[in-house]
Amino acid sequence: MTYASNFPLLLADPVSGITNNMTMRATTVRFSEDLWELLEAEASTQGISAAQFVRDSAIMRLGILSGRRGDTEASVTLEQLAAGALKGRRAAPDALDKATHDPGRLEELRVSKLLDSGEEAAFDRLTQLAARLLNAPVALISLVDDDRQFFKSSVGLKEPWRSERETPLTHSFCRHTLVSREALVIEDARAHPLVRDNLAIRDLDVVAYAGIPLITASGHALGTLCVIDHRPRSWTRDQIETLEVLTAAVVSEIELFRLREVA
C-alpha cells in the first residue's frame, strides 16, 4: 500500500491552540496492507483520517527526538502536544457548522433541484447495488441541507424515516464528510468519539457506517452515498473502494439530473 500526500497541513499550536495553515511537501510512504488497515482502524477510533493520524504521529515523534537531544527551541513536550490536539478537537463543531452552512455549497444544492425531488430509478439502482455489494441492510444517498439531511434514495430504511425521506442534522453522520471530504468509516458508532452521541444510533439503529462524500465538479460536497449496518462490523478496503466507484456513479447521475432540469 502506498500513501502519498501533497496538501495543506493544519497544525495546532500546542500552547495557544491556534491553527496555522502550512504547505506540506509531497511524500510517499509504503505500508503493508495489514499496517494500513491498522492505521485506518486506529484513526477511525480517534475520529480523524488516516492521513491526519500519520501526520500527528510524525509530529509526536519529532517532539520526542528533539526532547532527547536537549533542543530546547525545537522541543515540544508530550503534554503540550496533547493539549494542542484537544483544543483542535474542540474546534471541530465550528468547522462542521461552517462546512454545513457554506453558502456556495448550499446554493449548488438548491440549484440542483435535488432537494425534495421524487424517487428515481437511476439513483435507486445505485443504492440497491451498494447494499448488495457491501452486504449492508441500509444504503442511502443523503443530501445535507442547512438544517436536515434529505434522502434522494434509500434501501432498507425503517418507518417513519422511509416515508419522510429526511432527518434533522442531529441524526446525520454524513455531514461530517463535508469537513474531511474523505471516506468516513465507522465500525461501532456507539464507541466512536465523533458520533457516539448522534441520535441516529438510538432512532435509526445505526451502528456501523461507511460513507463517501458526493463531491461535484465545482468542488462542493453535497452529501454522501453511505451504507449502514445494525451491528458492529469491519469494513474491508475492497468494500470501501467499491463504495467509492458507486459514489462516482451517483455524482454522474446528479450531473445528468441537473442537465435534465435545466432542459
Protein backbone atom coordinates (compact mmCIF):
# COMPACT_ATOMS: atom_id res chain seq x y z
CA MET A 1 0.00 0.00 0.00
CA THR A 2 1.40 3.40 -0.99
CA TYR A 3 0.39 6.54 0.86
CA ALA A 4 1.15 9.83 -0.87
CA SER A 5 0.35 13.32 0.29
CA ASN A 6 0.63 16.85 -1.06
CA PHE A 7 -1.87 19.04 0.75
CA PRO A 8 -2.07 21.72 3.44
CA LEU A 9 -1.10 20.66 6.93
CA LEU A 10 -3.28 22.07 9.69
CA LEU A 11 -1.07 22.27 12.75
CA ALA A 12 -2.40 23.49 16.09
CA ASP A 13 0.00 25.46 18.26
CA PRO A 14 0.32 23.35 21.43
CA VAL A 15 0.10 26.35 23.76
CA SER A 16 -2.34 28.75 22.09
CA GLY A 17 -4.39 26.18 20.19
CA ILE A 18 -4.30 28.47 17.13
CA THR A 19 -4.28 26.55 13.89
CA ASN A 20 -1.73 27.52 11.25
CA ASN A 21 -2.06 26.53 7.61
CA MET A 22 1.26 25.20 6.32
CA THR A 23 2.04 23.66 2.94
CA MET A 24 3.10 20.05 3.18
CA ARG A 25 5.71 18.78 0.74
CA ALA A 26 4.86 15.75 -1.33
CA THR A 27 5.93 12.44 0.18
CA THR A 28 5.36 8.77 -0.47
CA VAL A 29 5.33 6.18 2.28
CA ARG A 30 4.79 2.48 1.68
CA PHE A 31 2.77 0.39 4.12
CA SER A 32 1.87 -3.26 4.09
CA GLU A 33 -1.84 -3.98 3.73
CA ASP A 34 -2.04 -5.15 7.35
CA LEU A 35 -0.35 -2.00 8.66
CA TRP A 36 -2.56 0.23 6.52
CA GLU A 37 -5.70 -1.43 7.88
CA LEU A 38 -4.37 -0.97 11.43
CA LEU A 39 -3.71 2.72 10.76
CA GLU A 40 -7.21 3.24 9.39
CA ALA A 41 -8.81 1.40 12.30
CA GLU A 42 -6.90 3.41 14.92
CA ALA A 43 -7.54 6.71 13.12
CA SER A 44 -11.25 5.88 12.99
CA THR A 45 -11.39 5.45 16.77
CA GLN A 46 -9.94 8.96 17.08
CA GLY A 47 -12.45 10.47 14.67
CA ILE A 48 -9.76 11.54 12.19
CA SER A 49 -8.50 10.38 8.80
CA ALA A 50 -5.56 8.00 8.35
CA ALA A 51 -3.64 10.91 6.79
CA GLN A 52 -4.15 13.07 9.88
CA PHE A 53 -3.16 10.15 12.11
CA VAL A 54 0.12 9.74 10.19
CA ARG A 55 0.83 13.48 10.41
CA ASP A 56 0.09 13.59 14.15
CA SER A 57 2.35 10.57 14.73
CA ALA A 58 5.20 12.19 12.81
CA ILE A 59 4.87 15.43 14.81
CA MET A 60 4.82 13.46 18.05
CA ARG A 61 7.96 11.56 17.05
CA LEU A 62 9.79 14.80 16.21
CA GLY A 63 8.85 16.21 19.60
CA ILE A 64 10.26 13.14 21.37
CA LEU A 65 13.51 13.17 19.41
CA SER A 66 14.11 16.89 19.89
CA GLY A 67 13.50 16.46 23.61
CA ARG A 68 16.04 13.64 23.82
CA ARG A 69 18.63 15.82 22.10
CA GLY A 70 18.02 18.60 24.61
CA ASP A 71 17.00 21.00 21.84
CA THR A 72 15.05 23.47 23.94
CA GLU A 73 14.00 25.61 20.98
CA ALA A 74 12.56 22.73 18.97
CA SER A 75 11.40 20.58 21.86
CA VAL A 76 7.68 20.23 22.44
CA THR A 77 6.52 18.21 25.42
CA LEU A 78 4.01 15.41 25.09
CA GLU A 79 1.73 17.26 27.50
CA GLN A 80 1.72 20.35 25.26
CA LEU A 81 1.08 18.27 22.17
CA ALA A 82 -1.87 16.59 23.84
CA ALA A 83 -3.26 19.97 24.91
CA GLY A 84 -2.98 21.31 21.38
CA ALA A 85 -4.69 18.25 19.96
CA LEU A 86 -7.59 18.58 22.39
CA LYS A 87 -8.05 22.25 21.54
CA GLY A 88 -8.15 21.30 17.90
CA ARG A 89 -10.81 18.69 18.61
CA ARG A 90 -12.95 21.24 20.49
CA ALA A 91 -12.86 23.49 17.44
CA ALA A 92 -14.39 20.74 15.31
CA PRO A 93 -18.05 21.82 15.82
CA ASP A 94 -17.22 25.26 14.39
CA ALA A 95 -15.67 23.64 11.32
CA LEU A 96 -18.69 21.37 11.00
CA ASP A 97 -21.13 24.28 11.12
CA LYS A 98 -19.04 26.27 8.66
CA ALA A 99 -18.94 23.41 6.16
CA THR A 100 -22.65 22.67 6.58
CA HIS A 101 -23.73 26.28 6.09
CA ASP A 102 -21.22 27.16 3.37
CA PRO A 103 -23.18 29.50 1.03
CA GLY A 104 -21.65 28.15 -2.16
CA ARG A 105 -22.40 24.57 -1.21
CA LEU A 106 -25.99 25.32 -0.26
CA GLU A 107 -26.53 27.34 -3.43
CA GLU A 108 -25.35 24.46 -5.60
CA LEU A 109 -27.58 22.08 -3.67
CA ARG A 110 -30.61 24.30 -4.28
CA VAL A 111 -29.79 24.96 -7.94
CA SER A 112 -29.53 21.20 -8.49
CA LYS A 113 -33.23 20.89 -7.51
CA LEU A 114 -32.46 17.57 -5.87
CA LEU A 115 -33.95 18.56 -2.51
CA ASP A 116 -37.49 17.22 -2.09
CA SER A 117 -37.38 15.70 -5.57
CA GLY A 118 -39.11 12.38 -6.19
CA GLU A 119 -37.60 8.92 -6.15
CA GLU A 120 -35.88 7.90 -9.38
CA ALA A 121 -34.84 4.52 -10.71
CA ALA A 122 -31.35 5.69 -11.66
CA PHE A 123 -30.49 6.64 -8.07
CA ASP A 124 -32.37 3.69 -6.57
CA ARG A 125 -30.33 1.24 -8.64
CA LEU A 126 -27.13 2.59 -7.14
CA THR A 127 -28.32 2.37 -3.53
CA GLN A 128 -29.59 -1.15 -4.17
CA LEU A 129 -26.24 -2.08 -5.67
CA ALA A 130 -24.37 -0.57 -2.73
CA ALA A 131 -26.46 -2.55 -0.24
CA ARG A 132 -25.99 -5.77 -2.20
CA LEU A 133 -22.26 -5.49 -2.88
CA LEU A 134 -21.40 -4.45 0.68
CA ASN A 135 -23.94 -6.83 2.22
CA ALA A 136 -25.48 -3.97 4.19
CA PRO A 137 -29.14 -3.76 5.29
CA VAL A 138 -29.33 0.00 4.62
CA ALA A 139 -27.97 2.22 1.85
CA LEU A 140 -28.68 5.92 1.38
CA ILE A 141 -27.99 8.81 -0.94
CA SER A 142 -28.08 11.59 1.62
CA LEU A 143 -28.01 15.31 0.74
CA VAL A 144 -27.05 17.60 3.61
CA ASP A 145 -29.14 20.77 3.74
CA ASP A 146 -28.63 23.58 6.27
CA ASP A 147 -30.97 22.04 8.86
CA ARG A 148 -31.69 18.50 7.68
CA GLN A 149 -30.48 15.64 5.53
CA PHE A 150 -32.71 14.62 2.64
CA PHE A 151 -32.63 11.09 1.25
CA LYS A 152 -32.73 11.14 -2.52
CA SER A 153 -32.73 7.35 -2.42
CA SER A 154 -32.85 4.74 0.32
CA VAL A 155 -32.82 0.98 0.75
CA GLY A 156 -33.77 -0.76 3.99
CA LEU A 157 -34.71 2.37 5.94
CA LYS A 158 -37.41 1.79 8.56
CA GLU A 159 -40.53 3.88 9.08
CA PRO A 160 -41.21 6.70 9.65
CA TRP A 161 -37.89 7.66 8.07
CA ARG A 162 -38.57 5.72 4.89
CA SER A 163 -41.71 7.77 4.15
CA GLU A 164 -40.43 11.09 5.48
CA ARG A 165 -37.19 10.79 3.47
CA GLU A 166 -35.30 13.11 5.80
CA THR A 167 -33.96 13.57 9.32
CA PRO A 168 -32.72 16.55 11.34
CA LEU A 169 -28.96 17.09 11.32
CA THR A 170 -28.90 15.72 14.86
CA HIS A 171 -29.25 12.33 13.14
CA SER A 172 -26.63 12.88 10.44
CA PHE A 173 -23.32 11.04 10.22
CA CYS A 174 -22.99 12.20 6.62
CA ARG A 175 -22.42 15.86 7.45
CA HIS A 176 -19.01 15.02 8.96
CA THR A 177 -17.70 14.20 5.49
CA LEU A 178 -18.35 17.82 4.49
CA VAL A 179 -15.37 18.74 6.66
CA SER A 180 -12.99 15.86 5.96
CA ARG A 181 -14.05 15.40 2.31
CA GLU A 182 -12.90 11.82 2.79
CA ALA A 183 -14.50 8.48 3.47
CA LEU A 184 -15.98 8.14 6.95
CA VAL A 185 -15.67 4.54 8.10
CA ILE A 186 -17.07 3.51 11.49
CA GLU A 187 -17.11 0.01 12.93
CA ASP A 188 -19.20 0.77 16.04
CA ALA A 189 -20.77 4.20 16.31
CA ARG A 190 -21.63 3.65 19.97
CA ALA A 191 -17.93 3.83 20.84
CA HIS A 192 -16.77 6.29 18.18
CA PRO A 193 -15.83 9.73 19.59
CA LEU A 194 -17.09 11.58 16.52
CA VAL A 195 -20.66 10.21 16.51
CA ARG A 196 -21.32 8.30 19.73
CA ASP A 197 -23.84 10.96 20.86
CA ASN A 198 -25.61 11.10 17.49
CA LEU A 199 -29.35 10.42 17.77
CA ALA A 200 -29.29 8.17 14.69
CA ILE A 201 -27.84 5.45 16.89
CA ARG A 202 -30.98 5.43 19.02
CA ASP A 203 -33.64 6.29 16.43
CA LEU A 204 -32.34 4.68 13.23
CA ASP A 205 -30.33 1.85 14.83
CA VAL A 206 -27.12 2.98 13.12
CA VAL A 207 -24.15 1.05 14.48
CA ALA A 208 -21.69 0.50 11.63
CA TYR A 209 -21.38 3.14 8.91
CA ALA A 210 -19.37 3.79 5.77
CA GLY A 211 -19.95 6.92 3.67
CA ILE A 212 -18.19 8.61 0.75
CA PRO A 213 -18.79 12.33 0.06
CA LEU A 214 -20.57 13.36 -3.13
CA ILE A 215 -18.14 15.98 -4.45
CA THR A 216 -19.27 17.73 -7.61
CA ALA A 217 -17.17 19.14 -10.44
CA SER A 218 -17.31 22.56 -8.77
CA GLY A 219 -15.74 21.08 -5.63
CA HIS A 220 -18.72 21.17 -3.29
CA ALA A 221 -19.63 18.20 -1.12
CA LEU A 222 -23.41 17.82 -1.29
CA GLY A 223 -23.81 14.72 0.87
CA THR A 224 -22.84 11.07 0.74
CA LEU A 225 -23.53 7.65 -0.59
CA CYS A 226 -23.47 5.57 2.56
CA VAL A 227 -24.19 2.09 3.86
CA ILE A 228 -25.30 1.20 7.37
CA ASP A 229 -25.40 -1.92 9.49
CA HIS A 230 -27.29 -2.50 12.72
CA ARG A 231 -24.39 -4.37 14.30
CA PRO A 232 -20.65 -3.68 14.63
CA ARG A 233 -18.60 -4.71 11.63
CA SER A 234 -15.24 -4.15 10.00
CA TRP A 235 -15.42 -2.69 6.52
CA THR A 236 -12.75 -4.04 4.17
CA ARG A 237 -10.64 -1.91 1.84
CA ASP A 238 -12.27 -3.66 -1.14
CA GLN A 239 -15.70 -2.67 0.16
CA ILE A 240 -14.69 0.96 0.58
CA GLU A 241 -13.20 1.03 -2.91
CA THR A 242 -16.45 -0.44 -4.26
CA LEU A 243 -18.39 2.29 -2.46
CA GLU A 244 -16.08 4.92 -3.99
CA VAL A 245 -16.82 3.62 -7.50
CA LEU A 246 -20.56 3.72 -6.83
CA THR A 247 -20.23 7.22 -5.39
CA ALA A 248 -18.65 8.41 -8.64
CA ALA A 249 -21.68 6.98 -10.45
CA VAL A 250 -24.02 8.88 -8.11
CA VAL A 251 -22.18 12.13 -8.83
CA SER A 252 -22.59 11.46 -12.56
CA GLU A 253 -26.31 10.91 -12.04
CA ILE A 254 -26.52 14.20 -10.15
CA GLU A 255 -24.97 16.00 -13.13
CA LEU A 256 -27.42 14.29 -15.51
CA PHE A 257 -30.32 15.20 -13.23
CA ARG A 258 -29.22 18.84 -13.26
CA LEU A 259 -28.99 18.86 -17.06
CA ARG A 260 -32.49 17.40 -17.36
CA GLU A 261 -33.86 20.04 -15.01
CA VAL A 262 -32.23 22.85 -16.97
CA ALA A 263 -33.53 21.49 -20.28
